[in-house]
Amino acid sequence: MSPIKTRVILAAILGLAAGSDGASTQNYPSRSINVMVPTATGGLTDVLTRNITQRLAQAWSQSVIIENRGGAGHNIGAAAVAKAAPDGYTLMAVEAGTFVANPFLYAKLPYDPDNDFEPISGFASISMALLAHPSLPARNVRELIDLARKRPGEISYGTSGIGGVLHISILLLETLADVKLVPVHYRGAAPALNDLLGGHINVISMGPSIALPQVRAGQLNMLAVGSGKRLPQLPDVPTLDESGVPGYEASTWFGLFAPARTPRTIIAKIHSDVQRILSDPEFKNYLTPQLLEPMIGTSEEFAAFIKSDAQKWGDIIRKANLSLH
């Protein structure tokens, strides 16, 4: 076959592929979409995802079906999506830990976090807050650090499990403030918060929205927030950075992913529609009372952010020698 004929055939093949990809985008979605949420129902990941996907379903005139498949630190659901057809009809909505903690906690994962998924868009982020029981004789972060140094091995904190954000956000505090607290691990944030309210543990680091009623009722003290600057909804609560822990910043985030090799045109369409929702004033009004910040940006910016966040928390996990099996 002559070089000219070869080039013509190759161009035709590439043209057909491009046309097919374009057609799939124009028709997408032409049927219902499944979104895997690898956590139990009722948690923040689940609730936020349902709110966004309801809006997507309206925009697309197609059903968006949520499948909750928890277990093994999100790994079961994530593995299922990694093996799904890359056609845009199976997506995954997760909290940060799937990508920024699990790769460092587990010796072997049933998925490759770097190569099995296409980041589509962040949904929202929430800064952590340092909460204390009123019986603790520390009304700010500096007093907490001083107390922990004077009473080593006595100041306890609750986690939602080894390597979860409630855990590693305190490990970051320990690293930057050169102090040690005593971890008490629970199966989820709810029992940890309940024990804090009961005075069985001293402090906790968690998303502040769930505990705001107890803070306002005087049942808990909010010592500081982990954001880079004060939250407009909590103007009187200082950041940890300004409270004597320079460089401290801790948050968790939620986002949407597709299996690797999903057509870029489909990724771009989903991204555009999600970003339109995040920019909607009505949706922002939904996020603001929950202290959630919409994640506005491109898919590429989201991917770069994940890589940076994974490096930060991976360093903390490695230094603490944490592992799960």
C-alpha atoms as a PDB file:
ATOM      1  CA  MET A   1       0.000   0.000   0.000  1.00  0.00           C
ATOM      2  CA  SER A   2       1.391   3.411  -0.925  1.00  0.00           C
ATOM      3  CA  PRO A   3       2.212   5.993   1.791  1.00  0.00           C
ATOM      4  CA  ILE A   4      -0.442   8.305   0.323  1.00  0.00           C
ATOM      5  CA  LYS A   5      -3.183   5.665   0.571  1.00  0.00           C
ATOM      6  CA  THR A   6      -2.059   4.819   4.106  1.00  0.00           C
ATOM      7  CA  ARG A   7      -2.355   8.454   5.154  1.00  0.00           C
ATOM      8  CA  VAL A   8      -5.793   8.745   3.560  1.00  0.00           C
ATOM      9  CA  ILE A   9      -7.081   5.642   5.350  1.00  0.00           C
ATOM     10  CA  LEU A  10      -5.589   6.771   8.660  1.00  0.00           C
ATOM     11  CA  ALA A  11      -7.190  10.195   8.284  1.00  0.00           C
ATOM     12  CA  ALA A  12     -10.519   8.559   7.540  1.00  0.00           C
ATOM     13  CA  ILE A  13     -10.257   6.356  10.636  1.00  0.00           C
ATOM     14  CA  LEU A  14      -9.361   9.316  12.826  1.00  0.00           C
ATOM     15  CA  GLY A  15     -12.202  11.304  11.302  1.00  0.00           C
ATOM     16  CA  LEU A  16     -14.682   8.535  12.053  1.00  0.00           C
ATOM     17  CA  ALA A  17     -13.403   8.294  15.626  1.00  0.00           C
ATOM     18  CA  ALA A  18     -13.715  12.023  16.120  1.00  0.00           C
ATOM     19  CA  GLY A  19     -17.173  12.010  14.583  1.00  0.00           C
ATOM     20  CA  SER A  20     -18.272   9.138  16.801  1.00  0.00           C
ATOM     21  CA  ASP A  21     -16.960  10.913  19.894  1.00  0.00           C
ATOM     22  CA  GLY A  22     -18.724  14.109  18.874  1.00  0.00           C
ATOM     23  CA  ALA A  23     -21.961  12.267  18.246  1.00  0.00           C
ATOM     24  CA  SER A  24     -21.766  10.546  21.626  1.00  0.00           C
ATOM     25  CA  THR A  25     -21.430  13.951  23.253  1.00  0.00           C
ATOM     26  CA  GLN A  26     -24.329  15.456  21.339  1.00  0.00           C
ATOM     27  CA  ASN A  27     -26.563  12.583  22.385  1.00  0.00           C
ATOM     28  CA  TYR A  28     -25.184  12.286  25.907  1.00  0.00           C
ATOM     29  CA  PRO A  29     -26.859  11.326  28.089  1.00  0.00           C
ATOM     30  CA  SER A  30     -29.338   9.212  26.157  1.00  0.00           C
ATOM     31  CA  ARG A  31     -30.222   6.963  29.105  1.00  0.00           C
ATOM     32  CA  SER A  32     -30.026   6.880  32.889  1.00  0.00           C
ATOM     33  CA  ILE A  33     -26.708   7.419  34.650  1.00  0.00           C
ATOM     34  CA  ASN A  34     -25.477   5.570  37.724  1.00  0.00           C
ATOM     35  CA  VAL A  35     -23.466   7.489  40.316  1.00  0.00           C
ATOM     36  CA  MET A  36     -21.615   5.380  42.848  1.00  0.00           C
ATOM     37  CA  VAL A  37     -21.362   6.868  46.339  1.00  0.00           C
ATOM     38  CA  PRO A  38     -19.059   4.502  48.270  1.00  0.00           C
ATOM     39  CA  THR A  39     -20.486   5.484  51.662  1.00  0.00           C
ATOM     40  CA  ALA A  40     -23.694   4.843  53.569  1.00  0.00           C
ATOM     41  CA  THR A  41     -26.787   6.946  52.951  1.00  0.00           C
ATOM     42  CA  GLY A  42     -27.318  10.114  54.952  1.00  0.00           C
ATOM     43  CA  GLY A  43     -23.721  11.301  55.210  1.00  0.00           C
ATOM     44  CA  LEU A  44     -22.510  14.578  53.750  1.00  0.00           C
ATOM     45  CA  THR A  45     -21.090  12.933  50.616  1.00  0.00           C
ATOM     46  CA  ASP A  46     -24.429  11.254  49.958  1.00  0.00           C
ATOM     47  CA  VAL A  47     -26.594  14.297  50.694  1.00  0.00           C
ATOM     48  CA  LEU A  48     -24.456  16.690  48.638  1.00  0.00           C
ATOM     49  CA  THR A  49     -24.292  14.276  45.713  1.00  0.00           C
ATOM     50  CA  ARG A  50     -28.056  13.771  45.708  1.00  0.00           C
ATOM     51  CA  ASN A  51     -28.649  17.514  45.653  1.00  0.00           C
ATOM     52  CA  ILE A  52     -26.329  18.024  42.694  1.00  0.00           C
ATOM     53  CA  THR A  53     -27.475  14.973  40.728  1.00  0.00           C
ATOM     54  CA  GLN A  54     -31.125  15.972  41.100  1.00  0.00           C
ATOM     55  CA  ARG A  55     -30.229  19.202  39.331  1.00  0.00           C
ATOM     56  CA  LEU A  56     -28.247  17.321  36.685  1.00  0.00           C
ATOM     57  CA  ALA A  57     -31.196  14.995  36.084  1.00  0.00           C
ATOM     58  CA  GLN A  58     -33.411  18.009  35.449  1.00  0.00           C
ATOM     59  CA  ALA A  59     -30.880  19.546  33.071  1.00  0.00           C
ATOM     60  CA  TRP A  60     -30.376  16.289  31.175  1.00  0.00           C
ATOM     61  CA  SER A  61     -33.987  15.037  31.248  1.00  0.00           C
ATOM     62  CA  GLN A  62     -32.574  11.685  32.322  1.00  0.00           C
ATOM     63  CA  SER A  63     -32.628   9.726  35.560  1.00  0.00           C
ATOM     64  CA  VAL A  64     -29.514   9.824  37.729  1.00  0.00           C
ATOM     65  CA  ILE A  65     -29.462   6.830  40.043  1.00  0.00           C
ATOM     66  CA  ILE A  66     -27.414   6.909  43.250  1.00  0.00           C
ATOM     67  CA  GLU A  67     -25.891   3.623  44.364  1.00  0.00           C
ATOM     68  CA  ASN A  68     -24.539   3.574  47.918  1.00  0.00           C
ATOM     69  CA  ARG A  69     -21.910   0.887  48.323  1.00  0.00           C
ATOM     70  CA  GLY A  70     -19.920   1.489  51.487  1.00  0.00           C
ATOM     71  CA  GLY A  71     -17.235  -0.591  53.122  1.00  0.00           C
ATOM     72  CA  ALA A  72     -13.453  -0.936  53.248  1.00  0.00           C
ATOM     73  CA  GLY A  73     -12.845   2.797  53.416  1.00  0.00           C
ATOM     74  CA  HIS A  74     -14.639   3.530  50.108  1.00  0.00           C
ATOM     75  CA  ASN A  75     -12.525   0.914  48.321  1.00  0.00           C
ATOM     76  CA  ILE A  76     -15.350  -1.460  47.351  1.00  0.00           C
ATOM     77  CA  GLY A  77     -17.362   1.161  45.503  1.00  0.00           C
ATOM     78  CA  ALA A  78     -14.288   2.763  43.954  1.00  0.00           C
ATOM     79  CA  ALA A  79     -13.076  -0.591  42.617  1.00  0.00           C
ATOM     80  CA  ALA A  80     -16.437  -1.197  40.944  1.00  0.00           C
ATOM     81  CA  VAL A  81     -16.290   2.155  39.146  1.00  0.00           C
ATOM     82  CA  ALA A  82     -12.675   1.598  38.096  1.00  0.00           C
ATOM     83  CA  LYS A  83     -13.828  -1.538  36.248  1.00  0.00           C
ATOM     84  CA  ALA A  84     -16.941   0.054  34.725  1.00  0.00           C
ATOM     85  CA  ALA A  85     -17.314   0.861  31.044  1.00  0.00           C
ATOM     86  CA  PRO A  86     -15.780   4.286  30.276  1.00  0.00           C
ATOM     87  CA  ASP A  87     -18.881   5.593  28.545  1.00  0.00           C
ATOM     88  CA  GLY A  88     -20.057   8.305  30.946  1.00  0.00           C
ATOM     89  CA  TYR A  89     -22.929   6.245  32.325  1.00  0.00           C
ATOM     90  CA  THR A  90     -21.129   5.149  35.490  1.00  0.00           C
ATOM     91  CA  LEU A  91     -19.654   7.906  37.654  1.00  0.00           C
ATOM     92  CA  MET A  92     -18.392   8.147  41.220  1.00  0.00           C
ATOM     93  CA  ALA A  93     -18.874  10.848  43.851  1.00  0.00           C
ATOM     94  CA  VAL A  94     -16.474  10.610  46.779  1.00  0.00           C
ATOM     95  CA  GLU A  95     -14.924  12.400  49.703  1.00  0.00           C
ATOM     96  CA  ALA A  96     -11.223  13.272  49.564  1.00  0.00           C
ATOM     97  CA  GLY A  97      -9.922  10.253  51.487  1.00  0.00           C
ATOM     98  CA  THR A  98     -10.358   7.896  48.530  1.00  0.00           C
ATOM     99  CA  PHE A  99      -7.567   9.719  46.717  1.00  0.00           C
ATOM    100  CA  VAL A 100      -5.523  11.543  49.357  1.00  0.00           C
ATOM    101  CA  ALA A 101      -5.404   9.015  52.227  1.00  0.00           C
ATOM    102  CA  ASN A 102      -6.204   5.489  51.045  1.00  0.00           C
ATOM    103  CA  PRO A 103      -3.193   5.223  48.705  1.00  0.00           C
ATOM    104  CA  PHE A 104      -0.950   5.701  51.737  1.00  0.00           C
ATOM    105  CA  LEU A 105      -2.967   3.696  54.268  1.00  0.00           C
ATOM    106  CA  TYR A 106      -3.415   0.482  52.292  1.00  0.00           C
ATOM    107  CA  ALA A 107      -0.507  -1.630  51.093  1.00  0.00           C
ATOM    108  CA  LYS A 108      -2.641  -2.751  48.157  1.00  0.00           C
ATOM    109  CA  LEU A 109      -5.756  -1.139  46.705  1.00  0.00           C
ATOM    110  CA  PRO A 110      -8.263  -2.785  44.352  1.00  0.00           C
ATOM    111  CA  TYR A 111      -7.891   0.237  42.067  1.00  0.00           C
ATOM    112  CA  ASP A 112      -5.154   2.580  40.874  1.00  0.00           C
ATOM    113  CA  PRO A 113      -6.042   6.072  42.152  1.00  0.00           C
ATOM    114  CA  ASP A 114      -3.760   7.737  39.614  1.00  0.00           C
ATOM    115  CA  ASN A 115      -4.706   5.840  36.466  1.00  0.00           C
ATOM    116  CA  ASP A 116      -8.168   4.294  36.888  1.00  0.00           C
ATOM    117  CA  PHE A 117     -10.196   7.521  37.091  1.00  0.00           C
ATOM    118  CA  GLU A 118     -10.792  10.802  35.287  1.00  0.00           C
ATOM    119  CA  PRO A 119     -11.392  13.734  37.666  1.00  0.00           C
ATOM    120  CA  ILE A 120     -14.424  15.650  36.395  1.00  0.00           C
ATOM    121  CA  SER A 121     -15.157  18.373  38.933  1.00  0.00           C
ATOM    122  CA  GLY A 122     -14.949  19.159  42.573  1.00  0.00           C
ATOM    123  CA  PHE A 123     -18.290  19.690  44.280  1.00  0.00           C
ATOM    124  CA  ALA A 124     -17.451  21.564  47.473  1.00  0.00           C
ATOM    125  CA  SER A 125     -14.931  21.740  50.287  1.00  0.00           C
ATOM    126  CA  ILE A 126     -15.360  22.235  54.012  1.00  0.00           C
ATOM    127  CA  SER A 127     -12.733  23.396  56.473  1.00  0.00           C
ATOM    128  CA  MET A 128     -12.215  21.464  59.666  1.00  0.00           C
ATOM    129  CA  ALA A 129     -12.907  22.987  63.086  1.00  0.00           C
ATOM    130  CA  LEU A 130     -11.270  22.190  66.408  1.00  0.00           C
ATOM    131  CA  LEU A 131     -13.980  21.551  69.007  1.00  0.00           C
ATOM    132  CA  ALA A 132     -13.543  21.001  72.731  1.00  0.00           C
ATOM    133  CA  HIS A 133     -15.749  19.902  75.603  1.00  0.00           C
ATOM    134  CA  PRO A 134     -16.454  22.822  77.985  1.00  0.00           C
ATOM    135  CA  SER A 135     -14.896  20.901  80.880  1.00  0.00           C
ATOM    136  CA  LEU A 136     -11.491  21.169  79.217  1.00  0.00           C
ATOM    137  CA  PRO A 137      -9.594  24.089  80.785  1.00  0.00           C
ATOM    138  CA  ALA A 138      -8.571  25.491  77.403  1.00  0.00           C
ATOM    139  CA  ARG A 139     -10.518  28.235  75.683  1.00  0.00           C
ATOM    140  CA  ASN A 140      -8.223  28.657  72.702  1.00  0.00           C
ATOM    141  CA  VAL A 141      -5.609  26.736  70.735  1.00  0.00           C
ATOM    142  CA  ARG A 142      -2.627  28.130  72.611  1.00  0.00           C
ATOM    143  CA  GLU A 143      -4.125  27.043  75.925  1.00  0.00           C
ATOM    144  CA  LEU A 144      -4.834  23.590  74.472  1.00  0.00           C
ATOM    145  CA  ILE A 145      -1.232  23.197  73.324  1.00  0.00           C
ATOM    146  CA  ASP A 146       0.115  24.356  76.692  1.00  0.00           C
ATOM    147  CA  LEU A 147      -2.227  21.977  78.511  1.00  0.00           C
ATOM    148  CA  ALA A 148      -1.208  19.022  76.344  1.00  0.00           C
ATOM    149  CA  ARG A 149       2.452  19.724  77.064  1.00  0.00           C
ATOM    150  CA  LYS A 150       1.850  19.999  80.793  1.00  0.00           C
ATOM    151  CA  ARG A 151      -0.319  16.869  80.885  1.00  0.00           C
ATOM    152  CA  PRO A 152       1.217  14.469  78.342  1.00  0.00           C
ATOM    153  CA  GLY A 153      -0.892  11.432  77.571  1.00  0.00           C
ATOM    154  CA  GLU A 154      -4.057  12.930  79.064  1.00  0.00           C
ATOM    155  CA  ILE A 155      -5.713  15.043  76.351  1.00  0.00           C
ATOM    156  CA  SER A 156      -7.752  12.789  74.070  1.00  0.00           C
ATOM    157  CA  TYR A 157      -9.332  13.355  70.681  1.00  0.00           C
ATOM    158  CA  GLY A 158     -11.901  11.394  68.707  1.00  0.00           C
ATOM    159  CA  THR A 159     -11.574  10.151  65.146  1.00  0.00           C
ATOM    160  CA  SER A 160     -13.918   8.517  62.664  1.00  0.00           C
ATOM    161  CA  GLY A 161     -11.346   5.771  62.159  1.00  0.00           C
ATOM    162  CA  ILE A 162      -7.621   5.415  61.551  1.00  0.00           C
ATOM    163  CA  GLY A 163      -6.483   7.628  58.683  1.00  0.00           C
ATOM    164  CA  GLY A 164      -9.767   9.502  58.309  1.00  0.00           C
ATOM    165  CA  VAL A 165      -9.785  13.282  58.032  1.00  0.00           C
ATOM    166  CA  LEU A 166     -10.758  13.640  61.710  1.00  0.00           C
ATOM    167  CA  HIS A 167      -7.572  11.737  62.513  1.00  0.00           C
ATOM    168  CA  ILE A 168      -5.031  13.183  60.109  1.00  0.00           C
ATOM    169  CA  SER A 169      -6.141  16.780  60.694  1.00  0.00           C
ATOM    170  CA  ILE A 170      -5.095  16.347  64.346  1.00  0.00           C
ATOM    171  CA  LEU A 171      -1.849  14.685  63.241  1.00  0.00           C
ATOM    172  CA  LEU A 172      -1.133  17.839  61.241  1.00  0.00           C
ATOM    173  CA  LEU A 173      -1.733  19.903  64.376  1.00  0.00           C
ATOM    174  CA  GLU A 174       0.622  17.654  66.345  1.00  0.00           C
ATOM    175  CA  THR A 175       3.302  17.995  63.676  1.00  0.00           C
ATOM    176  CA  LEU A 176       3.134  21.774  63.366  1.00  0.00           C
ATOM    177  CA  ALA A 177       2.681  22.495  67.089  1.00  0.00           C
ATOM    178  CA  ASP A 178       5.100  19.812  68.333  1.00  0.00           C
ATOM    179  CA  VAL A 179       2.549  18.344  70.717  1.00  0.00           C
ATOM    180  CA  LYS A 180       0.997  14.910  71.310  1.00  0.00           C
ATOM    181  CA  LEU A 181      -2.648  14.068  71.956  1.00  0.00           C
ATOM    182  CA  VAL A 182      -4.221  10.657  72.547  1.00  0.00           C
ATOM    183  CA  PRO A 183      -6.386   9.258  69.710  1.00  0.00           C
ATOM    184  CA  VAL A 184      -9.633   7.423  70.404  1.00  0.00           C
ATOM    185  CA  HIS A 185     -10.886   5.736  67.242  1.00  0.00           C
ATOM    186  CA  TYR A 186     -14.585   5.284  66.489  1.00  0.00           C
ATOM    187  CA  ARG A 187     -16.571   3.792  63.620  1.00  0.00           C
ATOM    188  CA  GLY A 188     -17.663   7.085  62.132  1.00  0.00           C
ATOM    189  CA  ALA A 189     -17.884  10.732  63.135  1.00  0.00           C
ATOM    190  CA  ALA A 190     -21.285  10.499  64.849  1.00  0.00           C
ATOM    191  CA  PRO A 191     -20.205   8.282  67.778  1.00  0.00           C
ATOM    192  CA  ALA A 192     -17.056  10.370  68.211  1.00  0.00           C
ATOM    193  CA  LEU A 193     -19.134  13.546  68.437  1.00  0.00           C
ATOM    194  CA  ASN A 194     -21.522  11.879  70.882  1.00  0.00           C
ATOM    195  CA  ASP A 195     -18.654  10.946  73.179  1.00  0.00           C
ATOM    196  CA  LEU A 196     -17.289  14.483  72.985  1.00  0.00           C
ATOM    197  CA  LEU A 197     -20.697  15.819  74.018  1.00  0.00           C
ATOM    198  CA  GLY A 198     -20.683  13.339  76.887  1.00  0.00           C
ATOM    199  CA  GLY A 199     -17.260  14.476  78.042  1.00  0.00           C
ATOM    200  CA  HIS A 200     -15.648  11.082  77.398  1.00  0.00           C
ATOM    201  CA  ILE A 201     -13.050  12.651  75.107  1.00  0.00           C
ATOM    202  CA  ASN A 202     -11.620  16.162  75.155  1.00  0.00           C
ATOM    203  CA  VAL A 203     -11.446  17.449  71.580  1.00  0.00           C
ATOM    204  CA  ILE A 204     -12.294  16.621  67.999  1.00  0.00           C
ATOM    205  CA  SER A 205     -11.433  18.040  64.580  1.00  0.00           C
ATOM    206  CA  MET A 206     -14.349  17.844  62.157  1.00  0.00           C
ATOM    207  CA  GLY A 207     -16.471  19.792  59.717  1.00  0.00           C
ATOM    208  CA  PRO A 208     -18.098  22.490  61.859  1.00  0.00           C
ATOM    209  CA  SER A 209     -21.602  22.510  60.390  1.00  0.00           C
ATOM    210  CA  ILE A 210     -22.739  19.307  62.093  1.00  0.00           C
ATOM    211  CA  ALA A 211     -21.771  20.640  65.532  1.00  0.00           C
ATOM    212  CA  LEU A 212     -22.987  24.234  65.193  1.00  0.00           C
ATOM    213  CA  PRO A 213     -26.208  23.640  67.184  1.00  0.00           C
ATOM    214  CA  GLN A 214     -24.199  22.256  70.103  1.00  0.00           C
ATOM    215  CA  VAL A 215     -21.701  25.117  69.899  1.00  0.00           C
ATOM    216  CA  ARG A 216     -24.486  27.694  69.944  1.00  0.00           C
ATOM    217  CA  ALA A 217     -26.104  25.887  72.879  1.00  0.00           C
ATOM    218  CA  GLY A 218     -22.865  26.065  74.862  1.00  0.00           C
ATOM    219  CA  GLN A 219     -22.391  22.296  74.837  1.00  0.00           C
ATOM    220  CA  LEU A 220     -19.131  22.567  72.896  1.00  0.00           C
ATOM    221  CA  ASN A 221     -16.450  25.210  72.397  1.00  0.00           C
ATOM    222  CA  MET A 222     -15.143  25.922  68.907  1.00  0.00           C
ATOM    223  CA  LEU A 223     -11.499  26.816  69.450  1.00  0.00           C
ATOM    224  CA  ALA A 224     -10.532  27.507  65.836  1.00  0.00           C
ATOM    225  CA  VAL A 225     -11.145  26.620  62.201  1.00  0.00           C
ATOM    226  CA  GLY A 226      -8.699  25.060  59.776  1.00  0.00           C
ATOM    227  CA  SER A 227      -9.348  27.418  56.872  1.00  0.00           C
ATOM    228  CA  GLY A 228      -6.751  29.772  55.432  1.00  0.00           C
ATOM    229  CA  LYS A 229      -8.803  32.743  56.594  1.00  0.00           C
ATOM    230  CA  ARG A 230     -11.759  33.222  58.923  1.00  0.00           C
ATOM    231  CA  LEU A 231     -15.055  31.891  57.664  1.00  0.00           C
ATOM    232  CA  PRO A 232     -17.574  34.659  56.916  1.00  0.00           C
ATOM    233  CA  GLN A 233     -20.270  32.600  58.660  1.00  0.00           C
ATOM    234  CA  LEU A 234     -18.093  32.402  61.816  1.00  0.00           C
ATOM    235  CA  PRO A 235     -16.286  35.751  61.933  1.00  0.00           C
ATOM    236  CA  ASP A 236     -15.454  35.496  65.636  1.00  0.00           C
ATOM    237  CA  VAL A 237     -13.756  32.099  65.370  1.00  0.00           C
ATOM    238  CA  PRO A 238     -10.012  32.419  64.656  1.00  0.00           C
ATOM    239  CA  THR A 239      -8.048  30.178  62.310  1.00  0.00           C
ATOM    240  CA  LEU A 240      -5.475  27.766  63.695  1.00  0.00           C
ATOM    241  CA  ASP A 241      -2.852  29.639  61.701  1.00  0.00           C
ATOM    242  CA  GLU A 242      -3.526  32.855  63.627  1.00  0.00           C
ATOM    243  CA  SER A 243      -3.900  30.913  66.895  1.00  0.00           C
ATOM    244  CA  GLY A 244      -0.291  29.854  67.178  1.00  0.00           C
ATOM    245  CA  VAL A 245      -0.045  27.072  64.575  1.00  0.00           C
ATOM    246  CA  PRO A 246       1.492  28.791  61.526  1.00  0.00           C
ATOM    247  CA  GLY A 247       0.811  27.076  58.221  1.00  0.00           C
ATOM    248  CA  TYR A 248      -2.080  24.981  59.494  1.00  0.00           C
ATOM    249  CA  GLU A 249      -4.813  24.418  56.954  1.00  0.00           C
ATOM    250  CA  ALA A 250      -7.106  21.385  56.904  1.00  0.00           C
ATOM    251  CA  SER A 251     -10.242  20.691  54.951  1.00  0.00           C
ATOM    252  CA  THR A 252     -11.959  17.886  53.161  1.00  0.00           C
ATOM    253  CA  TRP A 253     -13.644  17.975  49.792  1.00  0.00           C
ATOM    254  CA  PHE A 254     -16.118  16.115  47.616  1.00  0.00           C
ATOM    255  CA  GLY A 255     -15.931  15.535  43.887  1.00  0.00           C
ATOM    256  CA  LEU A 256     -17.065  13.638  40.805  1.00  0.00           C
ATOM    257  CA  PHE A 257     -15.036  11.107  38.808  1.00  0.00           C
ATOM    258  CA  ALA A 258     -15.447   8.879  35.754  1.00  0.00           C
ATOM    259  CA  PRO A 259     -13.613   5.689  34.795  1.00  0.00           C
ATOM    260  CA  ALA A 260     -10.361   6.280  32.929  1.00  0.00           C
ATOM    261  CA  ARG A 261     -10.649   6.584  29.144  1.00  0.00           C
ATOM    262  CA  THR A 262     -14.099   8.143  29.295  1.00  0.00           C
ATOM    263  CA  PRO A 263     -14.257  10.411  26.196  1.00  0.00           C
ATOM    264  CA  ARG A 264     -12.950  13.892  26.910  1.00  0.00           C
ATOM    265  CA  THR A 265     -16.000  15.432  25.291  1.00  0.00           C
ATOM    266  CA  ILE A 266     -18.276  13.675  27.778  1.00  0.00           C
ATOM    267  CA  ILE A 267     -16.034  14.706  30.668  1.00  0.00           C
ATOM    268  CA  ALA A 268     -16.214  18.291  29.420  1.00  0.00           C
ATOM    269  CA  LYS A 269     -20.012  18.223  29.181  1.00  0.00           C
ATOM    270  CA  ILE A 270     -20.493  16.836  32.691  1.00  0.00           C
ATOM    271  CA  HIS A 271     -17.936  19.292  34.050  1.00  0.00           C
ATOM    272  CA  SER A 272     -19.664  22.234  32.398  1.00  0.00           C
ATOM    273  CA  ASP A 273     -23.060  21.241  33.771  1.00  0.00           C
ATOM    274  CA  VAL A 274     -21.726  20.664  37.297  1.00  0.00           C
ATOM    275  CA  GLN A 275     -19.915  23.993  37.276  1.00  0.00           C
ATOM    276  CA  ARG A 276     -23.100  25.718  36.144  1.00  0.00           C
ATOM    277  CA  ILE A 277     -24.854  24.290  39.203  1.00  0.00           C
ATOM    278  CA  LEU A 278     -22.030  25.340  41.534  1.00  0.00           C
ATOM    279  CA  SER A 279     -22.227  28.901  40.199  1.00  0.00           C
ATOM    280  CA  ASP A 280     -25.997  29.120  40.627  1.00  0.00           C
ATOM    281  CA  PRO A 281     -26.866  31.598  43.436  1.00  0.00           C
ATOM    282  CA  GLU A 282     -29.663  29.301  44.609  1.00  0.00           C
ATOM    283  CA  PHE A 283     -27.219  26.414  45.029  1.00  0.00           C
ATOM    284  CA  LYS A 284     -24.722  28.670  46.801  1.00  0.00           C
ATOM    285  CA  ASN A 285     -27.506  29.559  49.231  1.00  0.00           C
ATOM    286  CA  TYR A 286     -27.820  25.835  49.929  1.00  0.00           C
ATOM    287  CA  LEU A 287     -24.067  25.487  50.584  1.00  0.00           C
ATOM    288  CA  THR A 288     -23.459  28.587  52.707  1.00  0.00           C
ATOM    289  CA  PRO A 289     -25.347  27.606  55.900  1.00  0.00           C
ATOM    290  CA  GLN A 290     -23.477  24.289  55.879  1.00  0.00           C
ATOM    291  CA  LEU A 291     -20.132  26.128  55.650  1.00  0.00           C
ATOM    292  CA  LEU A 292     -19.439  24.444  52.315  1.00  0.00           C
ATOM    293  CA  GLU A 293     -17.438  26.268  49.653  1.00  0.00           C
ATOM    294  CA  PRO A 294     -18.176  25.487  45.974  1.00  0.00           C
ATOM    295  CA  MET A 295     -15.160  24.226  44.020  1.00  0.00           C
ATOM    296  CA  ILE A 296     -15.091  26.383  40.913  1.00  0.00           C
ATOM    297  CA  GLY A 297     -12.460  25.414  38.345  1.00  0.00           C
ATOM    298  CA  THR A 298     -11.487  23.242  35.398  1.00  0.00           C
ATOM    299  CA  SER A 299     -11.093  19.473  35.434  1.00  0.00           C
ATOM    300  CA  GLU A 300      -7.350  19.976  35.050  1.00  0.00           C
ATOM    301  CA  GLU A 301      -7.241  22.280  38.059  1.00  0.00           C
ATOM    302  CA  PHE A 302      -9.202  19.718  40.072  1.00  0.00           C
ATOM    303  CA  ALA A 303      -6.722  16.980  39.094  1.00  0.00           C
ATOM    304  CA  ALA A 304      -3.755  19.162  40.079  1.00  0.00           C
ATOM    305  CA  PHE A 305      -5.403  20.004  43.402  1.00  0.00           C
ATOM    306  CA  ILE A 306      -5.917  16.299  44.167  1.00  0.00           C
ATOM    307  CA  LYS A 307      -2.258  15.589  43.459  1.00  0.00           C
ATOM    308  CA  SER A 308      -1.127  18.400  45.772  1.00  0.00           C
ATOM    309  CA  ASP A 309      -3.566  17.402  48.520  1.00  0.00           C
ATOM    310  CA  ALA A 310      -2.467  13.765  48.316  1.00  0.00           C
ATOM    311  CA  GLN A 311       1.164  14.763  48.711  1.00  0.00           C
ATOM    312  CA  LYS A 312       0.358  16.851  51.803  1.00  0.00           C
ATOM    313  CA  TRP A 313      -1.673  14.205  53.605  1.00  0.00           C
ATOM    314  CA  GLY A 314       0.493  11.351  52.362  1.00  0.00           C
ATOM    315  CA  ASP A 315       3.474  12.928  54.121  1.00  0.00           C
ATOM    316  CA  ILE A 316       1.486  13.163  57.363  1.00  0.00           C
ATOM    317  CA  ILE A 317       0.319   9.536  57.117  1.00  0.00           C
ATOM    318  CA  ARG A 318       3.816   8.241  56.372  1.00  0.00           C
ATOM    319  CA  LYS A 319       5.373  10.167  59.253  1.00  0.00           C
ATOM    320  CA  ALA A 320       2.747   8.748  61.623  1.00  0.00           C
ATOM    321  CA  ASN A 321       3.391   5.238  60.244  1.00  0.00           C
ATOM    322  CA  LEU A 322      -0.328   4.596  59.785  1.00  0.00           C
ATOM    323  CA  SER A 323      -1.541   1.545  57.898  1.00  0.00           C
ATOM    324  CA  LEU A 324      -4.730  -0.422  57.274  1.00  0.00           C
ATOM    325  CA  HIS A 325      -5.148  -3.890  55.823  1.00  0.00           C
END
